[in-house]
Amino acid sequence: MGQFPADELKNLLIPILGAAYLMLRASDRTKPAPGEKEVVAAIGSLEEARDLFPCASVRDLADGFKALAAGKIQYGRDELTFVEEPGRLVQNVQWQSRVVDAIASSAEARQYRYLVAFAAEKAACANKEGGYKGPGAQPLSEAEAAVLTQLKSGMAIK
């Protein structure tokens, strides 16, 4: 699909899913940990990211996410493990940014990091009253804001 081979595309989607997972966990620790389908549903779609981050890599990732949501891309039992520590996710994002950089450009790798943060904030806002209105439009809880700050800091996003 697009410029990324199928295996690389799946690996590039993992940090997006992981960031959303961390935000869902931060929003309510009393609930059981969400599974892949719940995380995908919280993100909903990455279509609006096409306008915010207009590069080929983001377009390909949005298409890949759509394929994942439609069940056309699937993870095996050991391919997708959600981590509970933002620091480990940041390391994964930094590694995957190098993959994007090798195929595209450092500017696209930077936009990939922004896309991961975008997906995290979108997931946090998905269940809030009024639904998702875009990054910055919904207030985040203290726990969500702390996770998002740690993610952004680790990915060198202001």
C-alpha atoms as a PDB file:
ATOM      1  CA  MET A   1       0.000   0.000   0.000  1.00  0.00           C
ATOM      2  CA  GLY A   2       1.596   3.256  -1.093  1.00  0.00           C
ATOM      3  CA  GLN A   3       5.299   3.749  -0.522  1.00  0.00           C
ATOM      4  CA  PHE A   4       5.505   1.401   2.490  1.00  0.00           C
ATOM      5  CA  PRO A   5       5.744  -2.385   2.170  1.00  0.00           C
ATOM      6  CA  ALA A   6       2.968  -4.162   4.098  1.00  0.00           C
ATOM      7  CA  ASP A   7       5.185  -5.184   7.044  1.00  0.00           C
ATOM      8  CA  GLU A   8       6.602  -1.677   7.445  1.00  0.00           C
ATOM      9  CA  LEU A   9       3.130  -0.174   7.219  1.00  0.00           C
ATOM     10  CA  LYS A  10       1.937  -2.427  10.047  1.00  0.00           C
ATOM     11  CA  ASN A  11       4.961  -1.414  12.141  1.00  0.00           C
ATOM     12  CA  LEU A  12       4.321   2.283  11.452  1.00  0.00           C
ATOM     13  CA  LEU A  13       0.711   1.931  12.615  1.00  0.00           C
ATOM     14  CA  ILE A  14       1.710   0.364  15.950  1.00  0.00           C
ATOM     15  CA  PRO A  15       2.893   3.644  17.573  1.00  0.00           C
ATOM     16  CA  ILE A  16      -0.317   5.342  16.417  1.00  0.00           C
ATOM     17  CA  LEU A  17      -2.357   2.612  18.091  1.00  0.00           C
ATOM     18  CA  GLY A  18      -0.056   2.644  21.123  1.00  0.00           C
ATOM     19  CA  ALA A  19      -0.421   6.377  21.667  1.00  0.00           C
ATOM     20  CA  ALA A  20      -4.204   6.085  21.518  1.00  0.00           C
ATOM     21  CA  TYR A  21      -4.056   3.141  23.931  1.00  0.00           C
ATOM     22  CA  LEU A  22      -2.029   5.175  26.450  1.00  0.00           C
ATOM     23  CA  MET A  23      -4.545   8.006  26.296  1.00  0.00           C
ATOM     24  CA  LEU A  24      -7.486   5.644  26.773  1.00  0.00           C
ATOM     25  CA  ARG A  25      -5.721   4.122  29.792  1.00  0.00           C
ATOM     26  CA  ALA A  26      -5.008   7.591  31.202  1.00  0.00           C
ATOM     27  CA  SER A  27      -8.625   8.650  30.785  1.00  0.00           C
ATOM     28  CA  ASP A  28     -10.003   5.897  33.043  1.00  0.00           C
ATOM     29  CA  ARG A  29      -7.787   3.378  34.831  1.00  0.00           C
ATOM     30  CA  THR A  30     -10.834   1.719  36.437  1.00  0.00           C
ATOM     31  CA  LYS A  31     -11.916   0.251  33.102  1.00  0.00           C
ATOM     32  CA  PRO A  32     -10.284  -2.876  31.725  1.00  0.00           C
ATOM     33  CA  ALA A  33      -7.419  -2.242  29.308  1.00  0.00           C
ATOM     34  CA  PRO A  34      -8.814  -1.617  25.818  1.00  0.00           C
ATOM     35  CA  GLY A  35      -8.158  -4.076  23.027  1.00  0.00           C
ATOM     36  CA  GLU A  36      -7.121  -3.362  19.460  1.00  0.00           C
ATOM     37  CA  LYS A  37     -10.682  -2.863  18.203  1.00  0.00           C
ATOM     38  CA  GLU A  38     -11.510  -0.387  20.966  1.00  0.00           C
ATOM     39  CA  VAL A  39      -8.349   1.590  20.230  1.00  0.00           C
ATOM     40  CA  VAL A  40      -9.090   1.655  16.495  1.00  0.00           C
ATOM     41  CA  ALA A  41     -12.659   2.787  17.232  1.00  0.00           C
ATOM     42  CA  ALA A  42     -11.417   5.581  19.533  1.00  0.00           C
ATOM     43  CA  ILE A  43      -9.170   6.934  16.795  1.00  0.00           C
ATOM     44  CA  GLY A  44     -12.005   6.552  14.288  1.00  0.00           C
ATOM     45  CA  SER A  45     -10.293   7.770  11.151  1.00  0.00           C
ATOM     46  CA  LEU A  46      -7.141   9.576  10.190  1.00  0.00           C
ATOM     47  CA  GLU A  47      -8.765  11.267   7.214  1.00  0.00           C
ATOM     48  CA  GLU A  48      -8.575  14.757   8.727  1.00  0.00           C
ATOM     49  CA  ALA A  49      -4.830  14.229   9.193  1.00  0.00           C
ATOM     50  CA  ARG A  50      -4.450  14.431   5.406  1.00  0.00           C
ATOM     51  CA  ASP A  51      -5.194  18.157   5.574  1.00  0.00           C
ATOM     52  CA  LEU A  52      -3.175  18.816   8.728  1.00  0.00           C
ATOM     53  CA  PHE A  53      -0.101  16.896   7.566  1.00  0.00           C
ATOM     54  CA  PRO A  54      -0.117  16.998   3.754  1.00  0.00           C
ATOM     55  CA  CYS A  55       2.584  14.544   2.811  1.00  0.00           C
ATOM     56  CA  ALA A  56       2.649  11.190   1.053  1.00  0.00           C
ATOM     57  CA  SER A  57       3.625   9.302   4.200  1.00  0.00           C
ATOM     58  CA  VAL A  58       0.628  10.530   6.184  1.00  0.00           C
ATOM     59  CA  ARG A  59      -1.669   9.827   3.256  1.00  0.00           C
ATOM     60  CA  ASP A  60      -0.345   6.266   3.078  1.00  0.00           C
ATOM     61  CA  LEU A  61      -0.708   5.838   6.840  1.00  0.00           C
ATOM     62  CA  ALA A  62      -4.287   7.150   6.743  1.00  0.00           C
ATOM     63  CA  ASP A  63      -5.040   4.624   3.992  1.00  0.00           C
ATOM     64  CA  GLY A  64      -3.340   1.910   6.026  1.00  0.00           C
ATOM     65  CA  PHE A  65      -5.351   2.821   9.111  1.00  0.00           C
ATOM     66  CA  LYS A  66      -8.542   2.679   7.054  1.00  0.00           C
ATOM     67  CA  ALA A  67      -7.538  -0.797   5.855  1.00  0.00           C
ATOM     68  CA  LEU A  68      -6.834  -1.833   9.460  1.00  0.00           C
ATOM     69  CA  ALA A  69     -10.253  -0.576  10.593  1.00  0.00           C
ATOM     70  CA  ALA A  70     -11.883  -2.474   7.722  1.00  0.00           C
ATOM     71  CA  GLY A  71     -10.071  -5.685   8.675  1.00  0.00           C
ATOM     72  CA  LYS A  72      -7.957  -5.749   5.505  1.00  0.00           C
ATOM     73  CA  ILE A  73      -4.786  -5.486   7.609  1.00  0.00           C
ATOM     74  CA  GLN A  74      -4.570  -7.701  10.652  1.00  0.00           C
ATOM     75  CA  TYR A  75      -2.027  -8.244  13.380  1.00  0.00           C
ATOM     76  CA  GLY A  76      -1.054 -11.695  14.507  1.00  0.00           C
ATOM     77  CA  ARG A  77      -1.179 -12.666  18.162  1.00  0.00           C
ATOM     78  CA  ASP A  78       2.423 -11.602  18.895  1.00  0.00           C
ATOM     79  CA  GLU A  79       2.656  -8.640  16.506  1.00  0.00           C
ATOM     80  CA  LEU A  80       0.767  -6.073  18.576  1.00  0.00           C
ATOM     81  CA  THR A  81       1.534  -5.503  22.245  1.00  0.00           C
ATOM     82  CA  PHE A  82       0.454  -2.316  23.955  1.00  0.00           C
ATOM     83  CA  VAL A  83       2.950  -0.839  26.387  1.00  0.00           C
ATOM     84  CA  GLU A  84       1.950   1.063  29.502  1.00  0.00           C
ATOM     85  CA  GLU A  85       4.929   3.433  29.578  1.00  0.00           C
ATOM     86  CA  PRO A  86       5.008   6.542  27.370  1.00  0.00           C
ATOM     87  CA  GLY A  87       8.817   6.385  27.346  1.00  0.00           C
ATOM     88  CA  ARG A  88       8.839   3.001  25.627  1.00  0.00           C
ATOM     89  CA  LEU A  89       6.295   4.232  23.087  1.00  0.00           C
ATOM     90  CA  VAL A  90       8.439   7.304  22.389  1.00  0.00           C
ATOM     91  CA  GLN A  91      11.418   5.039  21.677  1.00  0.00           C
ATOM     92  CA  ASN A  92       9.263   3.067  19.249  1.00  0.00           C
ATOM     93  CA  VAL A  93       8.091   6.266  17.545  1.00  0.00           C
ATOM     94  CA  GLN A  94      11.668   7.476  17.213  1.00  0.00           C
ATOM     95  CA  TRP A  95      12.670   4.161  15.657  1.00  0.00           C
ATOM     96  CA  GLN A  96       9.722   4.194  13.242  1.00  0.00           C
ATOM     97  CA  SER A  97      10.500   7.828  12.332  1.00  0.00           C
ATOM     98  CA  ARG A  98      13.859   6.593  11.086  1.00  0.00           C
ATOM     99  CA  VAL A  99      12.015   4.084   8.881  1.00  0.00           C
ATOM    100  CA  VAL A 100       9.919   6.919   7.426  1.00  0.00           C
ATOM    101  CA  ASP A 101      13.051   9.015   7.022  1.00  0.00           C
ATOM    102  CA  ALA A 102      14.769   6.210   5.090  1.00  0.00           C
ATOM    103  CA  ILE A 103      11.876   5.980   2.641  1.00  0.00           C
ATOM    104  CA  ALA A 104      10.651   9.568   2.516  1.00  0.00           C
ATOM    105  CA  SER A 105      12.294  12.587   4.124  1.00  0.00           C
ATOM    106  CA  SER A 106      13.108  13.949   7.544  1.00  0.00           C
ATOM    107  CA  ALA A 107      10.216  16.409   7.135  1.00  0.00           C
ATOM    108  CA  GLU A 108       7.846  13.478   6.657  1.00  0.00           C
ATOM    109  CA  ALA A 109       9.361  11.682   9.634  1.00  0.00           C
ATOM    110  CA  ARG A 110       8.629  14.806  11.708  1.00  0.00           C
ATOM    111  CA  GLN A 111       5.036  14.808  10.431  1.00  0.00           C
ATOM    112  CA  TYR A 112       4.785  11.137  11.375  1.00  0.00           C
ATOM    113  CA  ARG A 113       5.604  12.077  14.982  1.00  0.00           C
ATOM    114  CA  TYR A 114       2.929  14.788  14.870  1.00  0.00           C
ATOM    115  CA  LEU A 115       0.473  12.207  13.517  1.00  0.00           C
ATOM    116  CA  VAL A 116       1.157   9.933  16.501  1.00  0.00           C
ATOM    117  CA  ALA A 117       0.420  12.819  18.917  1.00  0.00           C
ATOM    118  CA  PHE A 118      -2.662  13.745  16.870  1.00  0.00           C
ATOM    119  CA  ALA A 119      -4.021  10.187  17.185  1.00  0.00           C
ATOM    120  CA  ALA A 120      -3.362  10.212  20.943  1.00  0.00           C
ATOM    121  CA  GLU A 121      -5.292  13.423  21.475  1.00  0.00           C
ATOM    122  CA  LYS A 122      -8.064  12.279  19.179  1.00  0.00           C
ATOM    123  CA  ALA A 123      -8.488   9.059  21.164  1.00  0.00           C
ATOM    124  CA  ALA A 124      -8.592  10.982  24.446  1.00  0.00           C
ATOM    125  CA  CYS A 125     -11.349  13.214  23.126  1.00  0.00           C
ATOM    126  CA  ALA A 126     -13.392  10.464  21.463  1.00  0.00           C
ATOM    127  CA  ASN A 127     -15.571   9.719  24.494  1.00  0.00           C
ATOM    128  CA  LYS A 128     -15.860  13.239  25.831  1.00  0.00           C
ATOM    129  CA  GLU A 129     -19.097  15.136  25.650  1.00  0.00           C
ATOM    130  CA  GLY A 130     -19.473  16.619  22.202  1.00  0.00           C
ATOM    131  CA  GLY A 131     -17.048  14.140  20.670  1.00  0.00           C
ATOM    132  CA  TYR A 132     -13.868  14.930  18.850  1.00  0.00           C
ATOM    133  CA  LYS A 133     -13.435  18.472  17.556  1.00  0.00           C
ATOM    134  CA  GLY A 134      -9.729  18.433  16.776  1.00  0.00           C
ATOM    135  CA  PRO A 135      -6.562  18.774  18.820  1.00  0.00           C
ATOM    136  CA  GLY A 136      -6.873  21.467  21.445  1.00  0.00           C
ATOM    137  CA  ALA A 137     -10.669  21.715  21.232  1.00  0.00           C
ATOM    138  CA  GLN A 138     -11.531  19.402  24.129  1.00  0.00           C
ATOM    139  CA  PRO A 139     -10.110  19.732  27.613  1.00  0.00           C
ATOM    140  CA  LEU A 140      -7.963  16.804  28.664  1.00  0.00           C
ATOM    141  CA  SER A 141      -7.882  15.391  32.176  1.00  0.00           C
ATOM    142  CA  GLU A 142      -4.705  15.912  34.195  1.00  0.00           C
ATOM    143  CA  ALA A 143      -3.645  12.309  33.563  1.00  0.00           C
ATOM    144  CA  GLU A 144      -4.285  12.604  29.816  1.00  0.00           C
ATOM    145  CA  ALA A 145      -2.463  15.931  29.622  1.00  0.00           C
ATOM    146  CA  ALA A 146       0.522  14.437  31.471  1.00  0.00           C
ATOM    147  CA  VAL A 147       0.736  11.495  29.046  1.00  0.00           C
ATOM    148  CA  LEU A 148       0.345  13.761  26.012  1.00  0.00           C
ATOM    149  CA  THR A 149       3.021  16.148  27.326  1.00  0.00           C
ATOM    150  CA  GLN A 150       5.413  13.259  27.899  1.00  0.00           C
ATOM    151  CA  LEU A 151       4.741  11.875  24.408  1.00  0.00           C
ATOM    152  CA  LYS A 152       5.192  15.252  22.725  1.00  0.00           C
ATOM    153  CA  SER A 153       8.324  16.033  24.694  1.00  0.00           C
ATOM    154  CA  GLY A 154       9.885  12.691  23.841  1.00  0.00           C
ATOM    155  CA  MET A 155       9.047  13.124  20.171  1.00  0.00           C
ATOM    156  CA  ALA A 156      10.374  16.727  20.109  1.00  0.00           C
ATOM    157  CA  ILE A 157       6.948  18.249  19.409  1.00  0.00           C
ATOM    158  CA  LYS A 158       6.046  21.656  20.786  1.00  0.00           C
END
